[in-house]
Amino acid sequence: TARGVYSAASIVVATGGLSIPSMG
């Protein structure tokens, strides 16, 4: 990321779908 590197043994993708792009 722009703030640096984050590392971990596990990563969980909870980024959602494409609905309501105005909310990110």
PDB file of all heavy atoms in Angstrom:
ATOM      1  N   THR A   1       0.841  -1.196   0.000  1.00  0.00           N
ATOM      2  CA  THR A   1       0.000   0.000   0.000  1.00  0.00           C
ATOM      3  C   THR A   1       0.874   1.242   0.000  1.00  0.00           C
ATOM      4  O   THR A   1       2.095   1.171   0.158  1.00  0.00           O
ATOM      5  CB  THR A   1      -0.909   0.042   1.245  1.00  0.00           C
ATOM      6  OG1 THR A   1      -0.137   0.467   2.376  1.00  0.00           O
ATOM      7  CG2 THR A   1      -1.518  -1.320   1.554  1.00  0.00           C
ATOM      8  N   ALA A   2       0.243   2.388  -0.127  1.00  0.00           N
ATOM      9  CA  ALA A   2       0.962   3.667  -0.081  1.00  0.00           C
ATOM     10  C   ALA A   2       1.569   3.908   1.299  1.00  0.00           C
ATOM     11  O   ALA A   2       2.506   4.691   1.436  1.00  0.00           O
ATOM     12  CB  ALA A   2       0.010   4.795  -0.453  1.00  0.00           C
ATOM     13  N   ARG A   3       1.040   3.245   2.307  1.00  0.00           N
ATOM     14  CA  ARG A   3       1.536   3.428   3.674  1.00  0.00           C
ATOM     15  C   ARG A   3       2.659   2.475   4.036  1.00  0.00           C
ATOM     16  O   ARG A   3       3.228   2.567   5.110  1.00  0.00           O
ATOM     17  CB  ARG A   3       0.401   3.214   4.673  1.00  0.00           C
ATOM     18  CG  ARG A   3      -0.628   4.301   4.658  1.00  0.00           C
ATOM     19  CD  ARG A   3      -1.649   4.099   5.747  1.00  0.00           C
ATOM     20  NE  ARG A   3      -2.783   4.976   5.501  1.00  0.00           N
ATOM     21  CZ  ARG A   3      -3.947   4.851   6.078  1.00  0.00           C
ATOM     22  NH1 ARG A   3      -4.146   3.884   6.955  1.00  0.00           N
ATOM     23  NH2 ARG A   3      -4.912   5.694   5.800  1.00  0.00           N
ATOM     24  N   GLY A   4       2.898   1.514   3.170  1.00  0.00           N
ATOM     25  CA  GLY A   4       3.902   0.511   3.469  1.00  0.00           C
ATOM     26  C   GLY A   4       3.401  -0.874   3.113  1.00  0.00           C
ATOM     27  O   GLY A   4       2.359  -1.032   2.466  1.00  0.00           O
ATOM     28  N   VAL A   5       4.147  -1.875   3.543  1.00  0.00           N
ATOM     29  CA  VAL A   5       3.810  -3.264   3.236  1.00  0.00           C
ATOM     30  C   VAL A   5       3.279  -3.926   4.505  1.00  0.00           C
ATOM     31  O   VAL A   5       3.872  -3.823   5.575  1.00  0.00           O
ATOM     32  CB  VAL A   5       5.044  -4.030   2.714  1.00  0.00           C
ATOM     33  CG1 VAL A   5       4.687  -5.494   2.462  1.00  0.00           C
ATOM     34  CG2 VAL A   5       5.566  -3.373   1.436  1.00  0.00           C
ATOM     35  N   TYR A   6       2.134  -4.601   4.362  1.00  0.00           N
ATOM     36  CA  TYR A   6       1.575  -5.373   5.463  1.00  0.00           C
ATOM     37  C   TYR A   6       1.693  -6.848   5.103  1.00  0.00           C
ATOM     38  O   TYR A   6       1.342  -7.253   3.982  1.00  0.00           O
ATOM     39  CB  TYR A   6       0.108  -5.006   5.677  1.00  0.00           C
ATOM     40  CG  TYR A   6      -0.089  -3.559   6.054  1.00  0.00           C
ATOM     41  CD1 TYR A   6      -0.498  -2.633   5.100  1.00  0.00           C
ATOM     42  CD2 TYR A   6       0.132  -3.120   7.352  1.00  0.00           C
ATOM     43  CE1 TYR A   6      -0.679  -1.297   5.432  1.00  0.00           C
ATOM     44  CE2 TYR A   6      -0.050  -1.782   7.698  1.00  0.00           C
ATOM     45  CZ  TYR A   6      -0.455  -0.881   6.737  1.00  0.00           C
ATOM     46  OH  TYR A   6      -0.630   0.432   7.070  1.00  0.00           O
ATOM     47  N   SER A   7       2.192  -7.646   6.033  1.00  0.00           N
ATOM     48  CA  SER A   7       2.369  -9.069   5.743  1.00  0.00           C
ATOM     49  C   SER A   7       1.635  -9.909   6.771  1.00  0.00           C
ATOM     50  O   SER A   7       1.446  -9.498   7.928  1.00  0.00           O
ATOM     51  CB  SER A   7       3.858  -9.431   5.730  1.00  0.00           C
ATOM     52  OG  SER A   7       4.395  -9.408   7.036  1.00  0.00           O
ATOM     53  N   ALA A   8       1.196 -11.102   6.348  1.00  0.00           N
ATOM     54  CA  ALA A   8       0.499 -12.035   7.234  1.00  0.00           C
ATOM     55  C   ALA A   8       0.452 -13.406   6.582  1.00  0.00           C
ATOM     56  O   ALA A   8       0.558 -13.533   5.355  1.00  0.00           O
ATOM     57  CB  ALA A   8      -0.921 -11.549   7.517  1.00  0.00           C
ATOM     58  N   ALA A   9       0.279 -14.423   7.410  1.00  0.00           N
ATOM     59  CA  ALA A   9       0.169 -15.790   6.894  1.00  0.00           C
ATOM     60  C   ALA A   9      -1.186 -16.033   6.256  1.00  0.00           C
ATOM     61  O   ALA A   9      -1.330 -16.908   5.395  1.00  0.00           O
ATOM     62  CB  ALA A   9       0.399 -16.795   8.030  1.00  0.00           C
ATOM     63  N   SER A  10      -2.226 -15.270   6.688  1.00  0.00           N
ATOM     64  CA  SER A  10      -3.577 -15.432   6.149  1.00  0.00           C
ATOM     65  C   SER A  10      -4.115 -14.095   5.657  1.00  0.00           C
ATOM     66  O   SER A  10      -3.866 -13.050   6.264  1.00  0.00           O
ATOM     67  CB  SER A  10      -4.531 -15.976   7.220  1.00  0.00           C
ATOM     68  OG  SER A  10      -4.138 -17.266   7.639  1.00  0.00           O
ATOM     69  N   ILE A  11      -4.846 -14.170   4.572  1.00  0.00           N
ATOM     70  CA  ILE A  11      -5.466 -12.966   4.024  1.00  0.00           C
ATOM     71  C   ILE A  11      -6.916 -13.299   3.670  1.00  0.00           C
ATOM     72  O   ILE A  11      -7.197 -14.350   3.096  1.00  0.00           O
ATOM     73  CB  ILE A  11      -4.672 -12.458   2.798  1.00  0.00           C
ATOM     74  CG1 ILE A  11      -5.173 -11.103   2.342  1.00  0.00           C
ATOM     75  CG2 ILE A  11      -4.699 -13.433   1.659  1.00  0.00           C
ATOM     76  CD1 ILE A  11      -4.262 -10.447   1.321  1.00  0.00           C
ATOM     77  N   VAL A  12      -7.825 -12.420   4.063  1.00  0.00           N
ATOM     78  CA  VAL A  12      -9.256 -12.624   3.828  1.00  0.00           C
ATOM     79  C   VAL A  12      -9.765 -11.529   2.903  1.00  0.00           C
ATOM     80  O   VAL A  12      -9.647 -10.334   3.220  1.00  0.00           O
ATOM     81  CB  VAL A  12     -10.052 -12.595   5.148  1.00  0.00           C
ATOM     82  CG1 VAL A  12     -11.536 -12.868   4.873  1.00  0.00           C
ATOM     83  CG2 VAL A  12      -9.496 -13.604   6.142  1.00  0.00           C
ATOM     84  N   VAL A  13     -10.308 -11.925   1.776  1.00  0.00           N
ATOM     85  CA  VAL A  13     -10.820 -10.963   0.796  1.00  0.00           C
ATOM     86  C   VAL A  13     -12.308 -10.746   1.072  1.00  0.00           C
ATOM     87  O   VAL A  13     -13.134 -11.640   0.882  1.00  0.00           O
ATOM     88  CB  VAL A  13     -10.595 -11.455  -0.642  1.00  0.00           C
ATOM     89  CG1 VAL A  13     -11.109 -10.417  -1.649  1.00  0.00           C
ATOM     90  CG2 VAL A  13      -9.112 -11.734  -0.877  1.00  0.00           C
ATOM     91  N   ALA A  14     -12.633  -9.553   1.567  1.00  0.00           N
ATOM     92  CA  ALA A  14     -14.013  -9.196   1.904  1.00  0.00           C
ATOM     93  C   ALA A  14     -14.353  -7.867   1.239  1.00  0.00           C
ATOM     94  O   ALA A  14     -14.914  -6.960   1.856  1.00  0.00           O
ATOM     95  CB  ALA A  14     -14.165  -9.102   3.420  1.00  0.00           C
ATOM     96  N   THR A  15     -13.988  -7.764  -0.031  1.00  0.00           N
ATOM     97  CA  THR A  15     -14.041  -6.485  -0.746  1.00  0.00           C
ATOM     98  C   THR A  15     -15.385  -6.198  -1.400  1.00  0.00           C
ATOM     99  O   THR A  15     -15.556  -5.157  -2.031  1.00  0.00           O
ATOM    100  CB  THR A  15     -12.945  -6.457  -1.836  1.00  0.00           C
ATOM    101  OG1 THR A  15     -13.037  -7.673  -2.593  1.00  0.00           O
ATOM    102  CG2 THR A  15     -11.570  -6.362  -1.206  1.00  0.00           C
ATOM    103  N   GLY A  16     -16.343  -7.134  -1.263  1.00  0.00           N
ATOM    104  CA  GLY A  16     -17.669  -6.887  -1.816  1.00  0.00           C
ATOM    105  C   GLY A  16     -17.727  -7.037  -3.322  1.00  0.00           C
ATOM    106  O   GLY A  16     -16.790  -7.518  -3.964  1.00  0.00           O
ATOM    107  N   GLY A  17     -18.864  -6.606  -3.876  1.00  0.00           N
ATOM    108  CA  GLY A  17     -19.074  -6.728  -5.314  1.00  0.00           C
ATOM    109  C   GLY A  17     -18.998  -5.378  -6.007  1.00  0.00           C
ATOM    110  O   GLY A  17     -18.304  -4.463  -5.557  1.00  0.00           O
ATOM    111  N   LEU A  18     -19.753  -5.254  -7.097  1.00  0.00           N
ATOM    112  CA  LEU A  18     -19.700  -4.058  -7.933  1.00  0.00           C
ATOM    113  C   LEU A  18     -20.855  -3.096  -7.667  1.00  0.00           C
ATOM    114  O   LEU A  18     -20.914  -2.025  -8.264  1.00  0.00           O
ATOM    115  CB  LEU A  18     -19.718  -4.462  -9.409  1.00  0.00           C
ATOM    116  CG  LEU A  18     -18.528  -5.318  -9.866  1.00  0.00           C
ATOM    117  CD1 LEU A  18     -18.790  -5.880 -11.260  1.00  0.00           C
ATOM    118  CD2 LEU A  18     -17.247  -4.512  -9.843  1.00  0.00           C
ATOM    119  N   SER A  19     -21.781  -3.483  -6.773  1.00  0.00           N
ATOM    120  CA  SER A  19     -22.969  -2.668  -6.574  1.00  0.00           C
ATOM    121  C   SER A  19     -22.669  -1.381  -5.817  1.00  0.00           C
ATOM    122  O   SER A  19     -21.866  -1.364  -4.891  1.00  0.00           O
ATOM    123  CB  SER A  19     -24.049  -3.477  -5.847  1.00  0.00           C
ATOM    124  OG  SER A  19     -23.496  -4.213  -4.788  1.00  0.00           O
ATOM    125  N   ILE A  20     -23.342  -0.314  -6.252  1.00  0.00           N
ATOM    126  CA  ILE A  20     -23.219   1.038  -5.709  1.00  0.00           C
ATOM    127  C   ILE A  20     -21.765   1.535  -5.737  1.00  0.00           C
ATOM    128  O   ILE A  20     -21.139   1.744  -4.697  1.00  0.00           O
ATOM    129  CB  ILE A  20     -23.814   1.151  -4.286  1.00  0.00           C
ATOM    130  CG1 ILE A  20     -25.124   0.357  -4.188  1.00  0.00           C
ATOM    131  CG2 ILE A  20     -24.059   2.631  -3.944  1.00  0.00           C
ATOM    132  CD1 ILE A  20     -25.852   0.512  -2.878  1.00  0.00           C
ATOM    133  N   PRO A  21     -21.218   1.745  -6.934  1.00  0.00           N
ATOM    134  CA  PRO A  21     -19.835   2.221  -7.046  1.00  0.00           C
ATOM    135  C   PRO A  21     -19.610   3.580  -6.388  1.00  0.00           C
ATOM    136  O   PRO A  21     -18.486   3.896  -5.982  1.00  0.00           O
ATOM    137  CB  PRO A  21     -19.603   2.294  -8.564  1.00  0.00           C
ATOM    138  CG  PRO A  21     -20.950   2.256  -9.184  1.00  0.00           C
ATOM    139  CD  PRO A  21     -21.834   1.507  -8.251  1.00  0.00           C
ATOM    140  N   SER A  22     -20.681   4.374  -6.225  1.00  0.00           N
ATOM    141  CA  SER A  22     -20.516   5.680  -5.584  1.00  0.00           C
ATOM    142  C   SER A  22     -20.091   5.537  -4.128  1.00  0.00           C
ATOM    143  O   SER A  22     -19.581   6.488  -3.525  1.00  0.00           O
ATOM    144  CB  SER A  22     -21.832   6.473  -5.646  1.00  0.00           C
ATOM    145  OG  SER A  22     -22.854   5.797  -4.929  1.00  0.00           O
ATOM    146  N   MET A  23     -20.280   4.331  -3.556  1.00  0.00           N
ATOM    147  CA  MET A  23     -19.849   4.092  -2.178  1.00  0.00           C
ATOM    148  C   MET A  23     -18.515   3.366  -2.125  1.00  0.00           C
ATOM    149  O   MET A  23     -18.110   2.864  -1.080  1.00  0.00           O
ATOM    150  CB  MET A  23     -20.924   3.298  -1.434  1.00  0.00           C
ATOM    151  CG  MET A  23     -22.256   4.007  -1.433  1.00  0.00           C
ATOM    152  SD  MET A  23     -23.407   3.305  -0.266  1.00  0.00           S
ATOM    153  CE  MET A  23     -22.791   4.020   1.239  1.00  0.00           C
ATOM    154  N   GLY A  24     -17.853   3.272  -3.270  1.00  0.00           N
ATOM    155  CA  GLY A  24     -16.504   2.724  -3.280  1.00  0.00           C
ATOM    156  C   GLY A  24     -16.370   1.307  -3.806  1.00  0.00           C
ATOM    157  O   GLY A  24     -15.280   0.736  -3.749  1.00  0.00           O
TER     158      GLY A  24
END
